[in-house]
Amino acid sequence: MFCGSMCFVPAPRAQAQSTRSEAEVASAAVALAALTPSEAWAKGGQWGPLEGKLSSLVHPTMMSLFFFTMLYTGFLGWQWRQTRTIGADLSSLRKQLPKDEDPEKESAATKSLKEQISQLDAERKELVKEGYKDKHYTISSFILGGGIFFTTYGVFNTWFRAEKLFPGPHLFAGAAIVVIWAISAALVPFMEKGNDSARNAHIALNGVNVLLFAWQLPTGFEIAQKVWGLDIPWV
């Protein structure tokens, strides 16, 4: 009977091996549980939600919106330019009207000139009514402030998530776009004083900026896809 009861007690070596195996399994489980967050957070989670997927997608989402907003702002700017040039054309045409001609004996040339003036004046009034200048200024200010903010946000988010930046076409193009925004805005005081060189430079710079923006959109989309596929929390 004594021998029978001892049959259920494992040998000391077997018991030690069993205890060691259980400890290894427990350690592995703890390590695995700890490994999942450290893989998710590039810097151990010290930046919290700023390292998350949702934060990482803010930059590409906003910059896509800014691109289409830039196109609309360009349209507004062009319409304001049309308003201004029509006003100059009207002034020039009015100077061509004969001052001493009898209204009852107007020549065909004078009548044609007056019809042209009337048509341009009506067109200009419609353009002025739309308020293109104020709309262009307001939305451009939003692009300048918001664009610089969200571009910088994207740079910091990359650092928060990867603890480094990735020099390349997308980063350099983004920096150039911000610089062109700033230079274009700096030309506005000169444009308000009637400086045609500043106006032409403003238009040319923003044209280059739209092309540069469109050129780097595919690289941004590629980066956004990589971020979307990362095994990181949303927040």
C-alpha atoms as a PDB file:
ATOM      1  CA  MET A   1       0.000   0.000   0.000  1.00  0.00           C
ATOM      2  CA  PHE A   2       2.890   2.325   0.800  1.00  0.00           C
ATOM      3  CA  CYS A   3       4.491   1.470  -2.513  1.00  0.00           C
ATOM      4  CA  GLY A   4       1.223   2.044  -4.328  1.00  0.00           C
ATOM      5  CA  SER A   5       0.882   5.572  -2.944  1.00  0.00           C
ATOM      6  CA  MET A   6       4.467   6.415  -3.873  1.00  0.00           C
ATOM      7  CA  CYS A   7       3.787   5.488  -7.466  1.00  0.00           C
ATOM      8  CA  PHE A   8       1.936   8.835  -7.927  1.00  0.00           C
ATOM      9  CA  VAL A   9       4.896  10.990  -6.744  1.00  0.00           C
ATOM     10  CA  PRO A  10       7.188  11.978  -9.685  1.00  0.00           C
ATOM     11  CA  ALA A  11      10.906  11.548  -9.427  1.00  0.00           C
ATOM     12  CA  PRO A  12      12.837  14.662  -8.285  1.00  0.00           C
ATOM     13  CA  ARG A  13      14.476  15.149 -11.731  1.00  0.00           C
ATOM     14  CA  ALA A  14      11.175  14.860 -13.584  1.00  0.00           C
ATOM     15  CA  GLN A  15       9.565  17.355 -11.209  1.00  0.00           C
ATOM     16  CA  ALA A  16      12.387  19.850 -11.729  1.00  0.00           C
ATOM     17  CA  GLN A  17      12.128  19.519 -15.496  1.00  0.00           C
ATOM     18  CA  SER A  18       8.366  20.018 -15.325  1.00  0.00           C
ATOM     19  CA  THR A  19       8.754  23.161 -13.178  1.00  0.00           C
ATOM     20  CA  ARG A  20      11.388  24.565 -15.538  1.00  0.00           C
ATOM     21  CA  SER A  21       9.180  23.929 -18.588  1.00  0.00           C
ATOM     22  CA  GLU A  22       6.241  25.702 -16.955  1.00  0.00           C
ATOM     23  CA  ALA A  23       8.462  28.672 -16.118  1.00  0.00           C
ATOM     24  CA  GLU A  24       9.720  28.865 -19.700  1.00  0.00           C
ATOM     25  CA  VAL A  25       6.182  28.782 -21.055  1.00  0.00           C
ATOM     26  CA  ALA A  26       5.104  31.523 -18.637  1.00  0.00           C
ATOM     27  CA  SER A  27       8.136  33.644 -19.549  1.00  0.00           C
ATOM     28  CA  ALA A  28       7.428  33.210 -23.244  1.00  0.00           C
ATOM     29  CA  ALA A  29       3.804  34.248 -22.741  1.00  0.00           C
ATOM     30  CA  VAL A  30       4.854  37.359 -20.846  1.00  0.00           C
ATOM     31  CA  ALA A  31       7.436  38.183 -23.510  1.00  0.00           C
ATOM     32  CA  LEU A  32       4.878  37.730 -26.284  1.00  0.00           C
ATOM     33  CA  ALA A  33       2.389  39.964 -24.523  1.00  0.00           C
ATOM     34  CA  ALA A  34       5.042  42.607 -24.069  1.00  0.00           C
ATOM     35  CA  LEU A  35       6.255  42.231 -27.649  1.00  0.00           C
ATOM     36  CA  THR A  36       2.964  43.144 -29.287  1.00  0.00           C
ATOM     37  CA  PRO A  37       2.797  46.741 -27.978  1.00  0.00           C
ATOM     38  CA  SER A  38       6.499  47.364 -28.640  1.00  0.00           C
ATOM     39  CA  GLU A  39       6.039  46.349 -32.252  1.00  0.00           C
ATOM     40  CA  ALA A  40       2.961  48.540 -32.542  1.00  0.00           C
ATOM     41  CA  TRP A  41       4.548  51.613 -31.031  1.00  0.00           C
ATOM     42  CA  ALA A  42       7.719  52.602 -32.850  1.00  0.00           C
ATOM     43  CA  LYS A  43       9.103  54.332 -29.770  1.00  0.00           C
ATOM     44  CA  GLY A  44       7.500  52.177 -27.078  1.00  0.00           C
ATOM     45  CA  GLY A  45       4.277  54.181 -26.977  1.00  0.00           C
ATOM     46  CA  GLN A  46       5.799  57.235 -25.325  1.00  0.00           C
ATOM     47  CA  TRP A  47       4.066  59.553 -27.812  1.00  0.00           C
ATOM     48  CA  GLY A  48       0.705  57.868 -27.325  1.00  0.00           C
ATOM     49  CA  PRO A  49      -1.921  58.499 -30.044  1.00  0.00           C
ATOM     50  CA  LEU A  50       0.557  60.619 -32.035  1.00  0.00           C
ATOM     51  CA  GLU A  51       2.191  57.342 -33.084  1.00  0.00           C
ATOM     52  CA  GLY A  52      -1.110  55.734 -34.067  1.00  0.00           C
ATOM     53  CA  LYS A  53      -2.457  55.010 -37.533  1.00  0.00           C
ATOM     54  CA  LEU A  54      -5.182  57.662 -37.277  1.00  0.00           C
ATOM     55  CA  SER A  55      -2.625  60.374 -36.558  1.00  0.00           C
ATOM     56  CA  SER A  56      -0.405  59.089 -39.365  1.00  0.00           C
ATOM     57  CA  LEU A  57      -3.214  59.453 -41.907  1.00  0.00           C
ATOM     58  CA  VAL A  58      -4.017  63.061 -40.983  1.00  0.00           C
ATOM     59  CA  HIS A  59      -1.224  64.476 -43.167  1.00  0.00           C
ATOM     60  CA  PRO A  60      -2.056  62.622 -46.407  1.00  0.00           C
ATOM     61  CA  THR A  61      -5.771  63.299 -45.990  1.00  0.00           C
ATOM     62  CA  MET A  62      -5.350  67.024 -45.399  1.00  0.00           C
ATOM     63  CA  MET A  63      -2.742  67.511 -48.121  1.00  0.00           C
ATOM     64  CA  SER A  64      -5.026  65.860 -50.669  1.00  0.00           C
ATOM     65  CA  LEU A  65      -7.729  68.356 -49.717  1.00  0.00           C
ATOM     66  CA  PHE A  66      -5.252  71.218 -49.969  1.00  0.00           C
ATOM     67  CA  PHE A  67      -4.320  70.176 -53.507  1.00  0.00           C
ATOM     68  CA  PHE A  68      -7.891  70.482 -54.762  1.00  0.00           C
ATOM     69  CA  THR A  69      -8.343  73.671 -52.727  1.00  0.00           C
ATOM     70  CA  MET A  70      -5.296  75.096 -54.494  1.00  0.00           C
ATOM     71  CA  LEU A  71      -6.909  74.409 -57.858  1.00  0.00           C
ATOM     72  CA  TYR A  72     -10.079  76.212 -56.775  1.00  0.00           C
ATOM     73  CA  THR A  73      -8.053  79.112 -55.391  1.00  0.00           C
ATOM     74  CA  GLY A  74      -6.216  79.360 -58.696  1.00  0.00           C
ATOM     75  CA  PHE A  75      -9.574  79.681 -60.456  1.00  0.00           C
ATOM     76  CA  LEU A  76     -10.614  82.440 -58.037  1.00  0.00           C
ATOM     77  CA  GLY A  77      -7.343  84.262 -58.592  1.00  0.00           C
ATOM     78  CA  TRP A  78      -7.713  84.075 -62.343  1.00  0.00           C
ATOM     79  CA  GLN A  79     -11.261  85.432 -62.156  1.00  0.00           C
ATOM     80  CA  TRP A  80     -10.055  88.340 -60.027  1.00  0.00           C
ATOM     81  CA  ARG A  81      -7.346  89.006 -62.601  1.00  0.00           C
ATOM     82  CA  GLN A  82     -10.032  89.053 -65.304  1.00  0.00           C
ATOM     83  CA  THR A  83     -12.023  91.552 -63.233  1.00  0.00           C
ATOM     84  CA  ARG A  84      -9.013  93.807 -62.950  1.00  0.00           C
ATOM     85  CA  THR A  85      -7.960  93.576 -66.611  1.00  0.00           C
ATOM     86  CA  ILE A  86     -11.508  94.261 -67.825  1.00  0.00           C
ATOM     87  CA  GLY A  87     -11.480  97.408 -65.698  1.00  0.00           C
ATOM     88  CA  ALA A  88      -8.254  98.507 -67.393  1.00  0.00           C
ATOM     89  CA  ASP A  89      -9.730  97.733 -70.828  1.00  0.00           C
ATOM     90  CA  LEU A  90     -12.804  99.804 -70.017  1.00  0.00           C
ATOM     91  CA  SER A  91     -10.673 102.782 -69.034  1.00  0.00           C
ATOM     92  CA  SER A  92      -8.755 102.494 -72.276  1.00  0.00           C
ATOM     93  CA  LEU A  93     -11.913 102.256 -74.411  1.00  0.00           C
ATOM     94  CA  ARG A  94     -13.576 105.224 -72.699  1.00  0.00           C
ATOM     95  CA  LYS A  95     -10.579 107.356 -73.536  1.00  0.00           C
ATOM     96  CA  GLN A  96     -11.173 106.576 -77.206  1.00  0.00           C
ATOM     97  CA  LEU A  97     -14.671 108.047 -77.217  1.00  0.00           C
ATOM     98  CA  PRO A  98     -14.854 111.361 -79.062  1.00  0.00           C
ATOM     99  CA  LYS A  99     -15.633 114.211 -76.666  1.00  0.00           C
ATOM    100  CA  ASP A 100     -17.148 116.730 -79.048  1.00  0.00           C
ATOM    101  CA  GLU A 101     -19.225 114.428 -81.231  1.00  0.00           C
ATOM    102  CA  ASP A 102     -22.934 115.156 -81.496  1.00  0.00           C
ATOM    103  CA  PRO A 103     -24.871 112.237 -79.862  1.00  0.00           C
ATOM    104  CA  GLU A 104     -27.486 112.432 -82.608  1.00  0.00           C
ATOM    105  CA  LYS A 105     -24.844 112.118 -85.324  1.00  0.00           C
ATOM    106  CA  GLU A 106     -22.693 109.361 -83.867  1.00  0.00           C
ATOM    107  CA  SER A 107     -20.546 107.474 -86.298  1.00  0.00           C
ATOM    108  CA  ALA A 108     -20.735 103.695 -86.679  1.00  0.00           C
ATOM    109  CA  ALA A 109     -17.326 103.421 -85.004  1.00  0.00           C
ATOM    110  CA  THR A 110     -18.524 105.345 -81.968  1.00  0.00           C
ATOM    111  CA  LYS A 111     -21.665 103.225 -81.661  1.00  0.00           C
ATOM    112  CA  SER A 112     -19.590 100.029 -81.894  1.00  0.00           C
ATOM    113  CA  LEU A 113     -17.216 101.375 -79.254  1.00  0.00           C
ATOM    114  CA  LYS A 114     -20.079 102.192 -76.895  1.00  0.00           C
ATOM    115  CA  GLU A 115     -21.604  98.734 -77.360  1.00  0.00           C
ATOM    116  CA  GLN A 116     -18.247  97.158 -76.520  1.00  0.00           C
ATOM    117  CA  ILE A 117     -17.951  99.337 -73.429  1.00  0.00           C
ATOM    118  CA  SER A 118     -21.474  98.444 -72.328  1.00  0.00           C
ATOM    119  CA  GLN A 119     -20.814  94.727 -72.772  1.00  0.00           C
ATOM    120  CA  LEU A 120     -17.523  94.813 -70.863  1.00  0.00           C
ATOM    121  CA  ASP A 121     -19.052  96.930 -68.115  1.00  0.00           C
ATOM    122  CA  ALA A 122     -21.859  94.411 -67.599  1.00  0.00           C
ATOM    123  CA  GLU A 123     -19.360  91.568 -67.548  1.00  0.00           C
ATOM    124  CA  ARG A 124     -17.197  93.368 -65.001  1.00  0.00           C
ATOM    125  CA  LYS A 125     -20.173  94.080 -62.741  1.00  0.00           C
ATOM    126  CA  GLU A 126     -21.013  90.374 -62.690  1.00  0.00           C
ATOM    127  CA  LEU A 127     -17.433  89.508 -61.775  1.00  0.00           C
ATOM    128  CA  VAL A 128     -17.322  92.129 -59.036  1.00  0.00           C
ATOM    129  CA  LYS A 129     -20.604  90.828 -57.622  1.00  0.00           C
ATOM    130  CA  GLU A 130     -19.008  87.366 -57.130  1.00  0.00           C
ATOM    131  CA  GLY A 131     -16.332  88.833 -54.847  1.00  0.00           C
ATOM    132  CA  TYR A 132     -13.484  86.806 -56.341  1.00  0.00           C
ATOM    133  CA  LYS A 133     -10.778  88.948 -54.768  1.00  0.00           C
ATOM    134  CA  ASP A 134     -11.978  88.436 -51.187  1.00  0.00           C
ATOM    135  CA  LYS A 135     -12.615  84.725 -51.731  1.00  0.00           C
ATOM    136  CA  HIS A 136      -9.168  84.271 -53.248  1.00  0.00           C
ATOM    137  CA  TYR A 137      -7.509  86.078 -50.357  1.00  0.00           C
ATOM    138  CA  THR A 138      -9.426  84.224 -47.645  1.00  0.00           C
ATOM    139  CA  ILE A 139      -8.918  80.727 -49.030  1.00  0.00           C
ATOM    140  CA  SER A 140      -5.271  81.426 -49.875  1.00  0.00           C
ATOM    141  CA  SER A 141      -4.682  82.463 -46.258  1.00  0.00           C
ATOM    142  CA  PHE A 142      -6.260  79.195 -45.127  1.00  0.00           C
ATOM    143  CA  ILE A 143      -3.963  77.241 -47.473  1.00  0.00           C
ATOM    144  CA  LEU A 144      -0.888  79.122 -46.251  1.00  0.00           C
ATOM    145  CA  GLY A 145      -1.574  78.583 -42.556  1.00  0.00           C
ATOM    146  CA  GLY A 146      -3.131  75.123 -42.764  1.00  0.00           C
ATOM    147  CA  GLY A 147      -0.713  73.848 -45.387  1.00  0.00           C
ATOM    148  CA  ILE A 148       2.364  74.782 -43.369  1.00  0.00           C
ATOM    149  CA  PHE A 149       0.829  73.340 -40.187  1.00  0.00           C
ATOM    150  CA  PHE A 150      -0.149  69.977 -41.668  1.00  0.00           C
ATOM    151  CA  THR A 151       3.110  69.657 -43.615  1.00  0.00           C
ATOM    152  CA  THR A 152       5.030  70.141 -40.372  1.00  0.00           C
ATOM    153  CA  TYR A 153       2.601  67.762 -38.639  1.00  0.00           C
ATOM    154  CA  GLY A 154       3.464  65.090 -41.211  1.00  0.00           C
ATOM    155  CA  VAL A 155       7.193  65.519 -40.587  1.00  0.00           C
ATOM    156  CA  PHE A 156       6.791  65.201 -36.813  1.00  0.00           C
ATOM    157  CA  ASN A 157       4.407  62.267 -37.163  1.00  0.00           C
ATOM    158  CA  THR A 158       7.014  60.386 -39.201  1.00  0.00           C
ATOM    159  CA  TRP A 159       9.528  61.017 -36.432  1.00  0.00           C
ATOM    160  CA  PHE A 160       7.100  59.939 -33.713  1.00  0.00           C
ATOM    161  CA  ARG A 161       6.314  56.714 -35.558  1.00  0.00           C
ATOM    162  CA  ALA A 162       9.709  55.731 -37.002  1.00  0.00           C
ATOM    163  CA  GLU A 163      12.179  57.776 -34.924  1.00  0.00           C
ATOM    164  CA  LYS A 164      13.744  59.068 -38.150  1.00  0.00           C
ATOM    165  CA  LEU A 165      12.947  60.897 -41.376  1.00  0.00           C
ATOM    166  CA  PHE A 166      13.238  59.516 -44.894  1.00  0.00           C
ATOM    167  CA  PRO A 167      15.002  61.951 -47.257  1.00  0.00           C
ATOM    168  CA  GLY A 168      13.636  61.565 -50.763  1.00  0.00           C
ATOM    169  CA  PRO A 169      11.479  63.180 -53.475  1.00  0.00           C
ATOM    170  CA  HIS A 170       8.381  63.403 -51.276  1.00  0.00           C
ATOM    171  CA  LEU A 171      10.146  65.167 -48.407  1.00  0.00           C
ATOM    172  CA  PHE A 172      12.058  67.559 -50.675  1.00  0.00           C
ATOM    173  CA  ALA A 173       9.012  68.364 -52.823  1.00  0.00           C
ATOM    174  CA  GLY A 174       6.966  69.043 -49.690  1.00  0.00           C
ATOM    175  CA  ALA A 175       9.617  71.450 -48.387  1.00  0.00           C
ATOM    176  CA  ALA A 176       9.719  73.246 -51.748  1.00  0.00           C
ATOM    177  CA  ILE A 177       5.930  73.607 -51.806  1.00  0.00           C
ATOM    178  CA  VAL A 178       5.936  75.255 -48.379  1.00  0.00           C
ATOM    179  CA  VAL A 179       8.706  77.661 -49.440  1.00  0.00           C
ATOM    180  CA  ILE A 180       6.796  78.628 -52.600  1.00  0.00           C
ATOM    181  CA  TRP A 181       3.653  79.245 -50.544  1.00  0.00           C
ATOM    182  CA  ALA A 182       5.620  81.629 -48.327  1.00  0.00           C
ATOM    183  CA  ILE A 183       7.235  83.484 -51.254  1.00  0.00           C
ATOM    184  CA  SER A 184       3.886  83.827 -53.048  1.00  0.00           C
ATOM    185  CA  ALA A 185       2.321  85.314 -49.923  1.00  0.00           C
ATOM    186  CA  ALA A 186       5.271  87.707 -49.516  1.00  0.00           C
ATOM    187  CA  LEU A 187       4.531  89.145 -52.984  1.00  0.00           C
ATOM    188  CA  VAL A 188       0.989  90.217 -52.055  1.00  0.00           C
ATOM    189  CA  PRO A 189       1.902  93.681 -50.630  1.00  0.00           C
ATOM    190  CA  PHE A 190       3.684  94.529 -53.885  1.00  0.00           C
ATOM    191  CA  MET A 191       0.753  93.207 -55.919  1.00  0.00           C
ATOM    192  CA  GLU A 192      -1.627  95.453 -53.971  1.00  0.00           C
ATOM    193  CA  LYS A 193       0.450  98.439 -55.096  1.00  0.00           C
ATOM    194  CA  GLY A 194      -0.006  97.505 -58.748  1.00  0.00           C
ATOM    195  CA  ASN A 195       3.377  95.868 -59.357  1.00  0.00           C
ATOM    196  CA  ASP A 196       2.836  93.727 -62.465  1.00  0.00           C
ATOM    197  CA  SER A 197       6.156  91.917 -62.016  1.00  0.00           C
ATOM    198  CA  ALA A 198       5.036  90.751 -58.564  1.00  0.00           C
ATOM    199  CA  ARG A 199       1.675  89.660 -59.988  1.00  0.00           C
ATOM    200  CA  ASN A 200       3.280  87.673 -62.798  1.00  0.00           C
ATOM    201  CA  ALA A 201       5.763  86.092 -60.371  1.00  0.00           C
ATOM    202  CA  HIS A 202       2.884  85.173 -58.039  1.00  0.00           C
ATOM    203  CA  ILE A 203       1.017  83.441 -60.856  1.00  0.00           C
ATOM    204  CA  ALA A 204       4.144  81.661 -62.138  1.00  0.00           C
ATOM    205  CA  LEU A 205       5.163  80.435 -58.677  1.00  0.00           C
ATOM    206  CA  ASN A 206       1.729  79.048 -57.927  1.00  0.00           C
ATOM    207  CA  GLY A 207       1.601  77.370 -61.331  1.00  0.00           C
ATOM    208  CA  VAL A 208       4.900  75.648 -60.555  1.00  0.00           C
ATOM    209  CA  ASN A 209       3.570  74.758 -57.109  1.00  0.00           C
ATOM    210  CA  VAL A 210       0.492  73.033 -58.528  1.00  0.00           C
ATOM    211  CA  LEU A 211       2.662  70.979 -60.896  1.00  0.00           C
ATOM    212  CA  LEU A 212       5.069  70.110 -58.069  1.00  0.00           C
ATOM    213  CA  PHE A 213       2.169  69.146 -55.817  1.00  0.00           C
ATOM    214  CA  ALA A 214       0.630  66.957 -58.525  1.00  0.00           C
ATOM    215  CA  TRP A 215       4.004  65.313 -59.190  1.00  0.00           C
ATOM    216  CA  GLN A 216       4.527  64.259 -55.563  1.00  0.00           C
ATOM    217  CA  LEU A 217       0.951  63.079 -54.917  1.00  0.00           C
ATOM    218  CA  PRO A 218       1.716  59.504 -56.130  1.00  0.00           C
ATOM    219  CA  THR A 219       4.651  59.221 -53.697  1.00  0.00           C
ATOM    220  CA  GLY A 220       2.407  60.434 -50.881  1.00  0.00           C
ATOM    221  CA  PHE A 221      -0.256  57.912 -51.842  1.00  0.00           C
ATOM    222  CA  GLU A 222       2.362  55.149 -51.776  1.00  0.00           C
ATOM    223  CA  ILE A 223       3.501  56.189 -48.299  1.00  0.00           C
ATOM    224  CA  ALA A 224      -0.125  56.352 -47.102  1.00  0.00           C
ATOM    225  CA  GLN A 225      -0.686  52.792 -48.324  1.00  0.00           C
ATOM    226  CA  LYS A 226       2.343  51.607 -46.351  1.00  0.00           C
ATOM    227  CA  VAL A 227       1.078  53.361 -43.225  1.00  0.00           C
ATOM    228  CA  TRP A 228      -2.351  51.808 -43.728  1.00  0.00           C
ATOM    229  CA  GLY A 229      -0.767  48.355 -43.813  1.00  0.00           C
ATOM    230  CA  LEU A 230       1.283  48.847 -40.648  1.00  0.00           C
ATOM    231  CA  ASP A 231       0.414  46.688 -37.670  1.00  0.00           C
ATOM    232  CA  ILE A 232      -0.121  49.617 -35.327  1.00  0.00           C
ATOM    233  CA  PRO A 233      -3.135  50.747 -33.277  1.00  0.00           C
ATOM    234  CA  TRP A 234      -5.439  53.400 -34.685  1.00  0.00           C
ATOM    235  CA  VAL A 235      -5.057  55.549 -31.559  1.00  0.00           C
END
